Amino acid sequence: MSAVSNNNSNLQSKAMRKRVRLNELRVGMWVAEIDMPSGMSSDHAAPFAIASPLDIERLTDLSILSVVIDARKGLDVARSRLSTVDLQQEIGARLPREEIAAAERTISRLRPHLNAVLSDAARGSLSCNARGMEIAEQIEFAALSNANALLGLLRLKNRDNETFLHCLSVSALMVVFGSSLGLKCGPLRNLALGGLLHDIGKMALPLSILQSTGKLTVAQFEIVKTHPRKGADILGRIPDVGQPVIDIALFHHEKYDGSGYPFGIAGERIPRAARIAAICDVYDAMTSVRPYKTAMRPSDAISLMTTSRVHFDPALLDSFISLMATSPLV
């Protein structure tokens, strides 16, 4: 392991260890250190998981005021979340006005074209790939020239354009991430198009499920889990669509530990493009404001993804964390 990798690992480890007061503790946290009162035996100082409220009461009875938790091994502290207004204010305060305006123009310009491509793809239109590649090229340019403003604004999802904005956001994230990994030209363009079309299979699902804002039933979720196969079937019928684009649609819900769907495959059996997509898709879902939910702060999303790192390619996740650490919105 290189010195840079070691340094990144050490920084992540330190970031996941946090001193908290007892009133912030909750079941599922891992107590790594206990601030023992002077003169008290260290017999109670061994690390442990908080399995029930009784464990918190025991610490209170010992007159302990604070502990250090390790969020890599258990739950993190309660996260503050952002409303639409919060996120708009944060973007306005941290990014230059001209960059925000340029990103707004990009989103407005792409909206009708991307909606047309999604419709073409769902119908199996032969024009989908050529038109999609044109849009992917525009997203690639916009994402690499104005990443912070574009990705910041794309976190603001509204009901009328939620699907469009999620597809565009995942595409832009994949371009920025892929570029940081050294990808160029064709491979980077495939990531852009794959991000745009990763959820194309959802267009074959019932509207009643797609438009639901409540918790899905088990039966409904089983239907949702068919969308990767449906998406791959749709894209596979369109001539000249690159295999990485199909792989992204088919495998973006697979997890590195084998607990994903639709096949439950693990590790490097999951195509690399889909492993990149999985990280970007989850990150966008966590950090986006929607009509029915507030957004996680990017730093909190990264923290949670690190806690669940068995779901992701570890090397790619570390690279993504390093990339996101440079954003003014983290």
C-alpha atoms as a PDB file:
ATOM      1  CA  MET A   1       0.000   0.000   0.000  1.00  0.00           C
ATOM      2  CA  SER A   2       1.356   3.442  -0.932  1.00  0.00           C
ATOM      3  CA  ALA A   3       2.009   6.272   1.517  1.00  0.00           C
ATOM      4  CA  VAL A   4      -0.944   8.173  -0.004  1.00  0.00           C
ATOM      5  CA  SER A   5      -3.256   5.188   0.529  1.00  0.00           C
ATOM      6  CA  ASN A   6      -2.032   4.805   4.102  1.00  0.00           C
ATOM      7  CA  ASN A   7      -2.603   8.499   4.728  1.00  0.00           C
ATOM      8  CA  ASN A   8      -6.134   8.344   3.262  1.00  0.00           C
ATOM      9  CA  SER A   9      -6.896   5.294   5.400  1.00  0.00           C
ATOM     10  CA  ASN A  10      -5.613   7.003   8.550  1.00  0.00           C
ATOM     11  CA  LEU A  11      -7.635  10.148   7.830  1.00  0.00           C
ATOM     12  CA  GLN A  12     -10.786   8.100   7.263  1.00  0.00           C
ATOM     13  CA  SER A  13     -10.197   6.133  10.484  1.00  0.00           C
ATOM     14  CA  LYS A  14      -9.782   9.326  12.505  1.00  0.00           C
ATOM     15  CA  ALA A  15     -12.859  10.879  10.902  1.00  0.00           C
ATOM     16  CA  MET A  16     -14.960   7.902  11.934  1.00  0.00           C
ATOM     17  CA  ARG A  17     -13.937   8.144  15.618  1.00  0.00           C
ATOM     18  CA  LYS A  18     -16.004  10.808  17.374  1.00  0.00           C
ATOM     19  CA  ARG A  19     -16.327  11.933  20.974  1.00  0.00           C
ATOM     20  CA  VAL A  20     -19.997  12.114  21.984  1.00  0.00           C
ATOM     21  CA  ARG A  21     -21.946  12.820  25.157  1.00  0.00           C
ATOM     22  CA  LEU A  22     -24.142  10.089  26.599  1.00  0.00           C
ATOM     23  CA  ASN A  23     -27.356  11.782  25.453  1.00  0.00           C
ATOM     24  CA  GLU A  24     -26.179  11.262  21.839  1.00  0.00           C
ATOM     25  CA  LEU A  25     -25.676   7.519  22.233  1.00  0.00           C
ATOM     26  CA  ARG A  26     -28.082   5.060  20.625  1.00  0.00           C
ATOM     27  CA  VAL A  27     -28.415   1.320  20.194  1.00  0.00           C
ATOM     28  CA  GLY A  28     -26.142   0.095  17.397  1.00  0.00           C
ATOM     29  CA  MET A  29     -23.174   2.359  18.151  1.00  0.00           C
ATOM     30  CA  TRP A  30     -19.710   0.969  18.866  1.00  0.00           C
ATOM     31  CA  VAL A  31     -17.992   2.464  21.916  1.00  0.00           C
ATOM     32  CA  ALA A  32     -14.254   2.493  21.220  1.00  0.00           C
ATOM     33  CA  GLU A  33     -13.046   4.477  24.259  1.00  0.00           C
ATOM     34  CA  ILE A  34     -14.581   5.512  27.576  1.00  0.00           C
ATOM     35  CA  ASP A  35     -13.557   8.640  29.467  1.00  0.00           C
ATOM     36  CA  MET A  36     -13.302   7.000  32.883  1.00  0.00           C
ATOM     37  CA  PRO A  37     -13.663   9.235  35.970  1.00  0.00           C
ATOM     38  CA  SER A  38     -10.484   9.700  37.973  1.00  0.00           C
ATOM     39  CA  GLY A  39      -9.757   6.806  40.298  1.00  0.00           C
ATOM     40  CA  MET A  40     -12.211   4.392  38.649  1.00  0.00           C
ATOM     41  CA  SER A  41     -11.057   0.922  37.618  1.00  0.00           C
ATOM     42  CA  SER A  42     -10.359   0.438  33.927  1.00  0.00           C
ATOM     43  CA  ASP A  43     -12.289  -2.860  34.025  1.00  0.00           C
ATOM     44  CA  HIS A  44     -15.235  -1.058  32.411  1.00  0.00           C
ATOM     45  CA  ALA A  45     -13.150   0.538  29.648  1.00  0.00           C
ATOM     46  CA  ALA A  46     -13.099  -2.296  27.084  1.00  0.00           C
ATOM     47  CA  PRO A  47     -14.678  -1.438  23.693  1.00  0.00           C
ATOM     48  CA  PHE A  48     -18.204  -2.753  23.186  1.00  0.00           C
ATOM     49  CA  ALA A  49     -21.357  -2.436  21.080  1.00  0.00           C
ATOM     50  CA  ILE A  50     -24.416  -0.750  22.550  1.00  0.00           C
ATOM     51  CA  ALA A  51     -26.926  -3.579  22.274  1.00  0.00           C
ATOM     52  CA  SER A  52     -29.741  -2.100  24.371  1.00  0.00           C
ATOM     53  CA  PRO A  53     -30.695   1.043  26.337  1.00  0.00           C
ATOM     54  CA  LEU A  54     -29.404  -0.751  29.437  1.00  0.00           C
ATOM     55  CA  ASP A  55     -25.841  -0.339  28.145  1.00  0.00           C
ATOM     56  CA  ILE A  56     -26.336   3.437  28.058  1.00  0.00           C
ATOM     57  CA  GLU A  57     -27.834   3.366  31.554  1.00  0.00           C
ATOM     58  CA  ARG A  58     -24.781   1.445  32.790  1.00  0.00           C
ATOM     59  CA  LEU A  59     -22.489   4.204  31.521  1.00  0.00           C
ATOM     60  CA  THR A  60     -24.689   6.823  33.182  1.00  0.00           C
ATOM     61  CA  ASP A  61     -24.559   4.935  36.482  1.00  0.00           C
ATOM     62  CA  LEU A  62     -20.756   5.020  36.295  1.00  0.00           C
ATOM     63  CA  SER A  63     -20.889   8.863  36.106  1.00  0.00           C
ATOM     64  CA  ILE A  64     -19.275   8.796  32.662  1.00  0.00           C
ATOM     65  CA  LEU A  65     -19.880  12.004  30.696  1.00  0.00           C
ATOM     66  CA  SER A  66     -18.578  11.124  27.235  1.00  0.00           C
ATOM     67  CA  VAL A  67     -17.226   8.292  25.108  1.00  0.00           C
ATOM     68  CA  VAL A  68     -15.528   7.883  21.735  1.00  0.00           C
ATOM     69  CA  ILE A  69     -17.539   5.964  19.139  1.00  0.00           C
ATOM     70  CA  ASP A  70     -16.159   4.293  16.005  1.00  0.00           C
ATOM     71  CA  ALA A  71     -18.628   4.763  13.146  1.00  0.00           C
ATOM     72  CA  ARG A  72     -16.806   2.143  11.052  1.00  0.00           C
ATOM     73  CA  LYS A  73     -18.022  -0.555  13.435  1.00  0.00           C
ATOM     74  CA  GLY A  74     -21.442   0.815  14.375  1.00  0.00           C
ATOM     75  CA  LEU A  75     -23.917   3.624  13.854  1.00  0.00           C
ATOM     76  CA  ASP A  76     -22.792   7.233  13.566  1.00  0.00           C
ATOM     77  CA  VAL A  77     -24.203  10.189  15.485  1.00  0.00           C
ATOM     78  CA  ALA A  78     -27.601  11.432  14.333  1.00  0.00           C
ATOM     79  CA  ARG A  79     -27.137  13.252  11.068  1.00  0.00           C
ATOM     80  CA  SER A  80     -28.361  16.742  10.287  1.00  0.00           C
ATOM     81  CA  ARG A  81     -30.313  16.835   7.021  1.00  0.00           C
ATOM     82  CA  LEU A  82     -30.866  19.554   4.439  1.00  0.00           C
ATOM     83  CA  SER A  83     -34.172  20.871   3.127  1.00  0.00           C
ATOM     84  CA  THR A  84     -34.526  22.438  -0.319  1.00  0.00           C
ATOM     85  CA  VAL A  85     -34.071  25.915   1.175  1.00  0.00           C
ATOM     86  CA  ASP A  86     -31.027  24.790   3.210  1.00  0.00           C
ATOM     87  CA  LEU A  87     -29.350  23.331   0.135  1.00  0.00           C
ATOM     88  CA  GLN A  88     -30.158  26.331  -2.060  1.00  0.00           C
ATOM     89  CA  GLN A  89     -28.638  28.662   0.540  1.00  0.00           C
ATOM     90  CA  GLU A  90     -25.542  26.485   0.898  1.00  0.00           C
ATOM     91  CA  ILE A  91     -24.980  26.356  -2.858  1.00  0.00           C
ATOM     92  CA  GLY A  92     -25.474  30.119  -3.152  1.00  0.00           C
ATOM     93  CA  ALA A  93     -23.072  30.839  -0.305  1.00  0.00           C
ATOM     94  CA  ARG A  94     -20.244  28.552  -1.421  1.00  0.00           C
ATOM     95  CA  LEU A  95     -20.222  28.728  -5.215  1.00  0.00           C
ATOM     96  CA  PRO A  96     -19.681  31.678  -7.603  1.00  0.00           C
ATOM     97  CA  ARG A  97     -22.898  33.061  -9.074  1.00  0.00           C
ATOM     98  CA  GLU A  98     -21.675  32.737 -12.662  1.00  0.00           C
ATOM     99  CA  GLU A  99     -20.939  29.012 -12.169  1.00  0.00           C
ATOM    100  CA  ILE A 100     -24.433  28.443 -10.776  1.00  0.00           C
ATOM    101  CA  ALA A 101     -25.997  30.312 -13.718  1.00  0.00           C
ATOM    102  CA  ALA A 102     -23.973  28.264 -16.219  1.00  0.00           C
ATOM    103  CA  ALA A 103     -25.070  25.020 -14.552  1.00  0.00           C
ATOM    104  CA  GLU A 104     -28.720  26.130 -14.610  1.00  0.00           C
ATOM    105  CA  ARG A 105     -28.450  26.801 -18.357  1.00  0.00           C
ATOM    106  CA  THR A 106     -26.908  23.367 -18.919  1.00  0.00           C
ATOM    107  CA  ILE A 107     -29.711  21.593 -17.058  1.00  0.00           C
ATOM    108  CA  SER A 108     -32.425  23.553 -18.897  1.00  0.00           C
ATOM    109  CA  ARG A 109     -30.801  22.902 -22.273  1.00  0.00           C
ATOM    110  CA  LEU A 110     -30.428  19.157 -21.708  1.00  0.00           C
ATOM    111  CA  ARG A 111     -33.873  18.467 -20.213  1.00  0.00           C
ATOM    112  CA  PRO A 112     -35.938  18.083 -23.434  1.00  0.00           C
ATOM    113  CA  HIS A 113     -33.186  16.148 -25.213  1.00  0.00           C
ATOM    114  CA  LEU A 114     -32.647  13.690 -22.365  1.00  0.00           C
ATOM    115  CA  ASN A 115     -36.372  13.106 -21.940  1.00  0.00           C
ATOM    116  CA  ALA A 116     -36.544  12.309 -25.662  1.00  0.00           C
ATOM    117  CA  VAL A 117     -33.641   9.853 -25.382  1.00  0.00           C
ATOM    118  CA  LEU A 118     -35.261   8.092 -22.413  1.00  0.00           C
ATOM    119  CA  SER A 119     -38.489   7.745 -24.404  1.00  0.00           C
ATOM    120  CA  ASP A 120     -36.581   6.531 -27.479  1.00  0.00           C
ATOM    121  CA  ALA A 121     -34.705   3.955 -25.415  1.00  0.00           C
ATOM    122  CA  ALA A 122     -37.877   2.646 -23.785  1.00  0.00           C
ATOM    123  CA  ARG A 123     -39.350   2.136 -27.282  1.00  0.00           C
ATOM    124  CA  GLY A 124     -36.160   0.520 -28.563  1.00  0.00           C
ATOM    125  CA  SER A 125     -35.698   3.299 -31.118  1.00  0.00           C
ATOM    126  CA  LEU A 126     -32.631   2.923 -33.315  1.00  0.00           C
ATOM    127  CA  SER A 127     -31.842   6.629 -32.874  1.00  0.00           C
ATOM    128  CA  CYS A 128     -31.401   6.282 -29.112  1.00  0.00           C
ATOM    129  CA  ASN A 129     -27.688   5.455 -29.117  1.00  0.00           C
ATOM    130  CA  ALA A 130     -26.616   8.273 -31.465  1.00  0.00           C
ATOM    131  CA  ARG A 131     -28.730  10.900 -29.684  1.00  0.00           C
ATOM    132  CA  GLY A 132     -27.671   9.563 -26.310  1.00  0.00           C
ATOM    133  CA  MET A 133     -24.008   9.825 -27.225  1.00  0.00           C
ATOM    134  CA  GLU A 134     -24.503  13.457 -28.268  1.00  0.00           C
ATOM    135  CA  ILE A 135     -26.012  14.259 -24.871  1.00  0.00           C
ATOM    136  CA  ALA A 136     -23.337  12.233 -23.089  1.00  0.00           C
ATOM    137  CA  GLU A 137     -20.697  14.378 -24.816  1.00  0.00           C
ATOM    138  CA  GLN A 138     -22.418  17.558 -23.606  1.00  0.00           C
ATOM    139  CA  ILE A 139     -22.667  16.208 -20.054  1.00  0.00           C
ATOM    140  CA  GLU A 140     -19.010  15.229 -20.157  1.00  0.00           C
ATOM    141  CA  PHE A 141     -17.990  18.766 -21.119  1.00  0.00           C
ATOM    142  CA  ALA A 142     -20.289  20.412 -18.543  1.00  0.00           C
ATOM    143  CA  ALA A 143     -19.311  18.050 -15.733  1.00  0.00           C
ATOM    144  CA  LEU A 144     -15.583  18.470 -16.282  1.00  0.00           C
ATOM    145  CA  SER A 145     -15.715  22.261 -16.723  1.00  0.00           C
ATOM    146  CA  ASN A 146     -18.217  23.159 -13.971  1.00  0.00           C
ATOM    147  CA  ALA A 147     -18.492  20.114 -11.713  1.00  0.00           C
ATOM    148  CA  ASN A 148     -19.245  21.714  -8.344  1.00  0.00           C
ATOM    149  CA  ALA A 149     -22.152  23.888  -9.483  1.00  0.00           C
ATOM    150  CA  LEU A 150     -23.667  21.236 -11.756  1.00  0.00           C
ATOM    151  CA  LEU A 151     -23.519  18.476  -9.136  1.00  0.00           C
ATOM    152  CA  GLY A 152     -24.729  20.854  -6.443  1.00  0.00           C
ATOM    153  CA  LEU A 153     -27.821  21.949  -8.383  1.00  0.00           C
ATOM    154  CA  LEU A 154     -28.603  18.379  -9.435  1.00  0.00           C
ATOM    155  CA  ARG A 155     -29.062  17.472  -5.772  1.00  0.00           C
ATOM    156  CA  LEU A 156     -32.292  19.527  -5.872  1.00  0.00           C
ATOM    157  CA  LYS A 157     -34.887  17.071  -7.184  1.00  0.00           C
ATOM    158  CA  ASN A 158     -38.514  18.069  -7.820  1.00  0.00           C
ATOM    159  CA  ARG A 159     -41.417  15.726  -8.461  1.00  0.00           C
ATOM    160  CA  ASP A 160     -41.925  16.710 -12.109  1.00  0.00           C
ATOM    161  CA  ASN A 161     -38.295  16.178 -13.106  1.00  0.00           C
ATOM    162  CA  GLU A 162     -37.005  13.713 -10.506  1.00  0.00           C
ATOM    163  CA  THR A 163     -36.184  10.912 -12.967  1.00  0.00           C
ATOM    164  CA  PHE A 164     -34.472  13.270 -15.421  1.00  0.00           C
ATOM    165  CA  LEU A 165     -32.443  14.964 -12.681  1.00  0.00           C
ATOM    166  CA  HIS A 166     -31.369  11.672 -11.074  1.00  0.00           C
ATOM    167  CA  CYS A 167     -30.217  10.257 -14.424  1.00  0.00           C
ATOM    168  CA  LEU A 168     -28.357  13.461 -15.248  1.00  0.00           C
ATOM    169  CA  SER A 169     -26.789  13.624 -11.788  1.00  0.00           C
ATOM    170  CA  VAL A 170     -25.554  10.020 -11.843  1.00  0.00           C
ATOM    171  CA  SER A 171     -24.171  10.579 -15.343  1.00  0.00           C
ATOM    172  CA  ALA A 172     -22.294  13.729 -14.296  1.00  0.00           C
ATOM    173  CA  LEU A 173     -20.972  12.051 -11.142  1.00  0.00           C
ATOM    174  CA  MET A 174     -19.715   9.105 -13.170  1.00  0.00           C
ATOM    175  CA  VAL A 175     -17.952  11.421 -15.611  1.00  0.00           C
ATOM    176  CA  VAL A 176     -16.198  13.352 -12.846  1.00  0.00           C
ATOM    177  CA  PHE A 177     -15.307  10.149 -10.995  1.00  0.00           C
ATOM    178  CA  GLY A 178     -14.214   8.312 -14.144  1.00  0.00           C
ATOM    179  CA  SER A 179     -12.028  11.225 -15.191  1.00  0.00           C
ATOM    180  CA  SER A 180     -10.351  11.208 -11.771  1.00  0.00           C
ATOM    181  CA  LEU A 181      -9.589   7.512 -12.352  1.00  0.00           C
ATOM    182  CA  GLY A 182      -7.828   8.369 -15.617  1.00  0.00           C
ATOM    183  CA  LEU A 183     -10.576   7.324 -18.047  1.00  0.00           C
ATOM    184  CA  LYS A 184     -10.854   9.249 -21.303  1.00  0.00           C
ATOM    185  CA  CYS A 185     -12.695   9.272 -24.643  1.00  0.00           C
ATOM    186  CA  GLY A 186     -14.739   6.114 -25.310  1.00  0.00           C
ATOM    187  CA  PRO A 187     -14.662   4.614 -21.802  1.00  0.00           C
ATOM    188  CA  LEU A 188     -15.597   7.958 -20.235  1.00  0.00           C
ATOM    189  CA  ARG A 189     -18.374   8.507 -22.794  1.00  0.00           C
ATOM    190  CA  ASN A 190     -19.764   5.046 -21.981  1.00  0.00           C
ATOM    191  CA  LEU A 191     -19.905   6.012 -18.298  1.00  0.00           C
ATOM    192  CA  ALA A 192     -21.800   9.187 -19.206  1.00  0.00           C
ATOM    193  CA  LEU A 193     -24.333   7.307 -21.343  1.00  0.00           C
ATOM    194  CA  GLY A 194     -24.573   4.453 -18.844  1.00  0.00           C
ATOM    195  CA  GLY A 195     -25.369   6.929 -16.086  1.00  0.00           C
ATOM    196  CA  LEU A 196     -28.098   8.493 -18.217  1.00  0.00           C
ATOM    197  CA  LEU A 197     -29.697   5.123 -18.977  1.00  0.00           C
ATOM    198  CA  HIS A 198     -28.940   3.151 -15.798  1.00  0.00           C
ATOM    199  CA  ASP A 199     -32.593   3.181 -14.668  1.00  0.00           C
ATOM    200  CA  ILE A 200     -34.174   2.834 -18.117  1.00  0.00           C
ATOM    201  CA  GLY A 201     -35.780  -0.432 -16.986  1.00  0.00           C
ATOM    202  CA  LYS A 202     -37.969   1.502 -14.561  1.00  0.00           C
ATOM    203  CA  MET A 203     -39.912   2.822 -17.543  1.00  0.00           C
ATOM    204  CA  ALA A 204     -41.306  -0.709 -17.900  1.00  0.00           C
ATOM    205  CA  LEU A 205     -42.630  -0.720 -14.305  1.00  0.00           C
ATOM    206  CA  PRO A 206     -46.172   0.237 -13.211  1.00  0.00           C
ATOM    207  CA  LEU A 207     -46.663   3.972 -12.671  1.00  0.00           C
ATOM    208  CA  SER A 208     -48.368   3.248  -9.356  1.00  0.00           C
ATOM    209  CA  ILE A 209     -45.040   1.969  -8.024  1.00  0.00           C
ATOM    210  CA  LEU A 210     -42.845   4.606  -9.652  1.00  0.00           C
ATOM    211  CA  GLN A 211     -44.965   7.457  -8.303  1.00  0.00           C
ATOM    212  CA  SER A 212     -45.312   6.049  -4.796  1.00  0.00           C
ATOM    213  CA  THR A 213     -43.846   8.262  -2.064  1.00  0.00           C
ATOM    214  CA  GLY A 214     -44.496   5.820   0.770  1.00  0.00           C
ATOM    215  CA  LYS A 215     -42.697   2.663   1.823  1.00  0.00           C
ATOM    216  CA  LEU A 216     -43.078  -0.065  -0.793  1.00  0.00           C
ATOM    217  CA  THR A 217     -44.595  -3.400   0.134  1.00  0.00           C
ATOM    218  CA  VAL A 218     -42.464  -6.537  -0.181  1.00  0.00           C
ATOM    219  CA  ALA A 219     -44.359  -7.467  -3.350  1.00  0.00           C
ATOM    220  CA  GLN A 220     -43.852  -3.998  -4.855  1.00  0.00           C
ATOM    221  CA  PHE A 221     -40.130  -4.048  -4.102  1.00  0.00           C
ATOM    222  CA  GLU A 222     -39.806  -7.431  -5.819  1.00  0.00           C
ATOM    223  CA  ILE A 223     -41.269  -5.775  -8.917  1.00  0.00           C
ATOM    224  CA  VAL A 224     -38.820  -2.858  -8.605  1.00  0.00           C
ATOM    225  CA  LYS A 225     -35.952  -5.359  -8.448  1.00  0.00           C
ATOM    226  CA  THR A 226     -36.789  -6.481 -11.989  1.00  0.00           C
ATOM    227  CA  HIS A 227     -35.775  -3.128 -13.500  1.00  0.00           C
ATOM    228  CA  PRO A 228     -32.070  -3.970 -14.053  1.00  0.00           C
ATOM    229  CA  ARG A 229     -32.956  -6.976 -16.236  1.00  0.00           C
ATOM    230  CA  LYS A 230     -35.650  -5.007 -18.044  1.00  0.00           C
ATOM    231  CA  GLY A 231     -33.168  -2.195 -18.681  1.00  0.00           C
ATOM    232  CA  ALA A 232     -30.536  -4.551 -20.067  1.00  0.00           C
ATOM    233  CA  ASP A 233     -33.158  -6.171 -22.319  1.00  0.00           C
ATOM    234  CA  ILE A 234     -34.201  -2.763 -23.671  1.00  0.00           C
ATOM    235  CA  LEU A 235     -30.626  -1.620 -24.334  1.00  0.00           C
ATOM    236  CA  GLY A 236     -29.593  -4.995 -25.757  1.00  0.00           C
ATOM    237  CA  ARG A 237     -32.111  -4.576 -28.583  1.00  0.00           C
ATOM    238  CA  ILE A 238     -30.647  -1.237 -29.680  1.00  0.00           C
ATOM    239  CA  PRO A 239     -27.758  -1.565 -32.179  1.00  0.00           C
ATOM    240  CA  ASP A 240     -24.318  -0.230 -31.253  1.00  0.00           C
ATOM    241  CA  VAL A 241     -25.006   0.357 -27.550  1.00  0.00           C
ATOM    242  CA  GLY A 242     -21.694  -0.383 -25.816  1.00  0.00           C
ATOM    243  CA  GLN A 243     -21.452  -3.354 -23.455  1.00  0.00           C
ATOM    244  CA  PRO A 244     -20.421  -1.113 -20.509  1.00  0.00           C
ATOM    245  CA  VAL A 245     -23.706   0.805 -20.924  1.00  0.00           C
ATOM    246  CA  ILE A 246     -25.680  -2.453 -20.754  1.00  0.00           C
ATOM    247  CA  ASP A 247     -23.543  -3.642 -17.810  1.00  0.00           C
ATOM    248  CA  ILE A 248     -24.340  -0.467 -15.870  1.00  0.00           C
ATOM    249  CA  ALA A 249     -28.087  -0.963 -16.353  1.00  0.00           C
ATOM    250  CA  LEU A 250     -27.910  -4.660 -15.431  1.00  0.00           C
ATOM    251  CA  PHE A 251     -25.480  -4.660 -12.510  1.00  0.00           C
ATOM    252  CA  HIS A 252     -25.680  -1.239 -10.774  1.00  0.00           C
ATOM    253  CA  HIS A 253     -27.628  -2.719  -7.826  1.00  0.00           C
ATOM    254  CA  GLU A 254     -25.144  -5.543  -7.246  1.00  0.00           C
ATOM    255  CA  LYS A 255     -23.042  -5.209  -4.090  1.00  0.00           C
ATOM    256  CA  TYR A 256     -19.395  -6.086  -3.671  1.00  0.00           C
ATOM    257  CA  ASP A 257     -20.194  -8.578  -0.882  1.00  0.00           C
ATOM    258  CA  GLY A 258     -22.755 -10.405  -3.029  1.00  0.00           C
ATOM    259  CA  SER A 259     -25.853  -9.108  -1.219  1.00  0.00           C
ATOM    260  CA  GLY A 260     -27.254  -7.104  -4.148  1.00  0.00           C
ATOM    261  CA  TYR A 261     -29.583  -7.921  -7.039  1.00  0.00           C
ATOM    262  CA  PRO A 262     -30.575  -9.200  -9.571  1.00  0.00           C
ATOM    263  CA  PHE A 263     -27.953 -11.981  -9.496  1.00  0.00           C
ATOM    264  CA  GLY A 264     -26.219 -11.618  -6.128  1.00  0.00           C
ATOM    265  CA  ILE A 265     -22.761 -11.706  -7.721  1.00  0.00           C
ATOM    266  CA  ALA A 266     -19.760 -10.354  -5.815  1.00  0.00           C
ATOM    267  CA  GLY A 267     -16.360  -8.709  -6.148  1.00  0.00           C
ATOM    268  CA  GLU A 268     -14.796  -8.306  -9.571  1.00  0.00           C
ATOM    269  CA  ARG A 269     -17.452 -10.498 -11.162  1.00  0.00           C
ATOM    270  CA  ILE A 270     -19.378  -7.214 -11.195  1.00  0.00           C
ATOM    271  CA  PRO A 271     -18.145  -5.218 -14.229  1.00  0.00           C
ATOM    272  CA  ARG A 272     -16.036  -2.214 -13.239  1.00  0.00           C
ATOM    273  CA  ALA A 273     -18.362   0.290 -14.913  1.00  0.00           C
ATOM    274  CA  ALA A 274     -21.238  -1.035 -12.794  1.00  0.00           C
ATOM    275  CA  ARG A 275     -19.116  -0.826  -9.624  1.00  0.00           C
ATOM    276  CA  ILE A 276     -18.507   2.845 -10.417  1.00  0.00           C
ATOM    277  CA  ALA A 277     -22.225   3.341 -11.088  1.00  0.00           C
ATOM    278  CA  ALA A 278     -23.205   1.706  -7.785  1.00  0.00           C
ATOM    279  CA  ILE A 279     -21.173   4.250  -5.813  1.00  0.00           C
ATOM    280  CA  CYS A 280     -22.505   7.247  -7.766  1.00  0.00           C
ATOM    281  CA  ASP A 281     -26.118   6.025  -7.670  1.00  0.00           C
ATOM    282  CA  VAL A 282     -26.135   5.532  -3.886  1.00  0.00           C
ATOM    283  CA  TYR A 283     -24.324   8.821  -3.243  1.00  0.00           C
ATOM    284  CA  ASP A 284     -26.816  10.777  -5.356  1.00  0.00           C
ATOM    285  CA  ALA A 285     -29.791   9.097  -3.659  1.00  0.00           C
ATOM    286  CA  MET A 286     -28.452   9.970  -0.200  1.00  0.00           C
ATOM    287  CA  THR A 287     -27.479  13.576  -0.906  1.00  0.00           C
ATOM    288  CA  SER A 288     -30.516  14.675  -2.942  1.00  0.00           C
ATOM    289  CA  VAL A 289     -33.483  16.694  -1.718  1.00  0.00           C
ATOM    290  CA  ARG A 290     -36.759  15.241  -2.982  1.00  0.00           C
ATOM    291  CA  PRO A 291     -40.361  16.366  -2.482  1.00  0.00           C
ATOM    292  CA  TYR A 292     -40.811  13.670   0.179  1.00  0.00           C
ATOM    293  CA  LYS A 293     -37.413  13.683   1.893  1.00  0.00           C
ATOM    294  CA  THR A 294     -34.568  15.917   2.995  1.00  0.00           C
ATOM    295  CA  ALA A 295     -30.959  15.323   1.979  1.00  0.00           C
ATOM    296  CA  MET A 296     -27.941  14.007   3.821  1.00  0.00           C
ATOM    297  CA  ARG A 297     -24.924  16.248   3.898  1.00  0.00           C
ATOM    298  CA  PRO A 298     -22.264  14.821   1.554  1.00  0.00           C
ATOM    299  CA  SER A 299     -19.871  14.253   4.463  1.00  0.00           C
ATOM    300  CA  ASP A 300     -22.553  12.229   6.274  1.00  0.00           C
ATOM    301  CA  ALA A 301     -23.307  10.216   3.140  1.00  0.00           C
ATOM    302  CA  ILE A 302     -19.601   9.420   2.778  1.00  0.00           C
ATOM    303  CA  SER A 303     -19.501   8.413   6.438  1.00  0.00           C
ATOM    304  CA  LEU A 304     -22.455   6.048   5.998  1.00  0.00           C
ATOM    305  CA  MET A 305     -21.031   4.586   2.787  1.00  0.00           C
ATOM    306  CA  THR A 306     -17.765   3.956   4.627  1.00  0.00           C
ATOM    307  CA  THR A 307     -19.677   2.152   7.374  1.00  0.00           C
ATOM    308  CA  SER A 308     -21.313   0.022   4.642  1.00  0.00           C
ATOM    309  CA  ARG A 309     -18.112  -0.321   2.634  1.00  0.00           C
ATOM    310  CA  VAL A 310     -18.597  -4.098   2.128  1.00  0.00           C
ATOM    311  CA  HIS A 311     -21.251  -3.118  -0.429  1.00  0.00           C
ATOM    312  CA  PHE A 312     -18.744  -1.287  -2.635  1.00  0.00           C
ATOM    313  CA  ASP A 313     -15.445  -1.946  -4.377  1.00  0.00           C
ATOM    314  CA  PRO A 314     -13.085  -0.797  -1.582  1.00  0.00           C
ATOM    315  CA  ALA A 315     -10.440   0.691  -3.873  1.00  0.00           C
ATOM    316  CA  LEU A 316     -13.036   2.595  -5.894  1.00  0.00           C
ATOM    317  CA  LEU A 317     -14.780   3.801  -2.732  1.00  0.00           C
ATOM    318  CA  ASP A 318     -11.498   5.151  -1.348  1.00  0.00           C
ATOM    319  CA  SER A 319     -10.887   6.970  -4.643  1.00  0.00           C
ATOM    320  CA  PHE A 320     -14.411   8.406  -4.574  1.00  0.00           C
ATOM    321  CA  ILE A 321     -13.975   9.615  -0.981  1.00  0.00           C
ATOM    322  CA  SER A 322     -10.719  11.345  -1.918  1.00  0.00           C
ATOM    323  CA  LEU A 323     -12.430  12.998  -4.901  1.00  0.00           C
ATOM    324  CA  MET A 324     -15.426  14.218  -2.906  1.00  0.00           C
ATOM    325  CA  ALA A 325     -13.149  15.650  -0.208  1.00  0.00           C
ATOM    326  CA  THR A 326     -12.120  18.362  -2.704  1.00  0.00           C
ATOM    327  CA  SER A 327     -15.701  19.635  -3.178  1.00  0.00           C
ATOM    328  CA  PRO A 328     -16.667  22.917  -1.462  1.00  0.00           C
ATOM    329  CA  LEU A 329     -20.090  21.408  -0.699  1.00  0.00           C
ATOM    330  CA  VAL A 330     -18.800  18.464   1.366  1.00  0.00           C
END
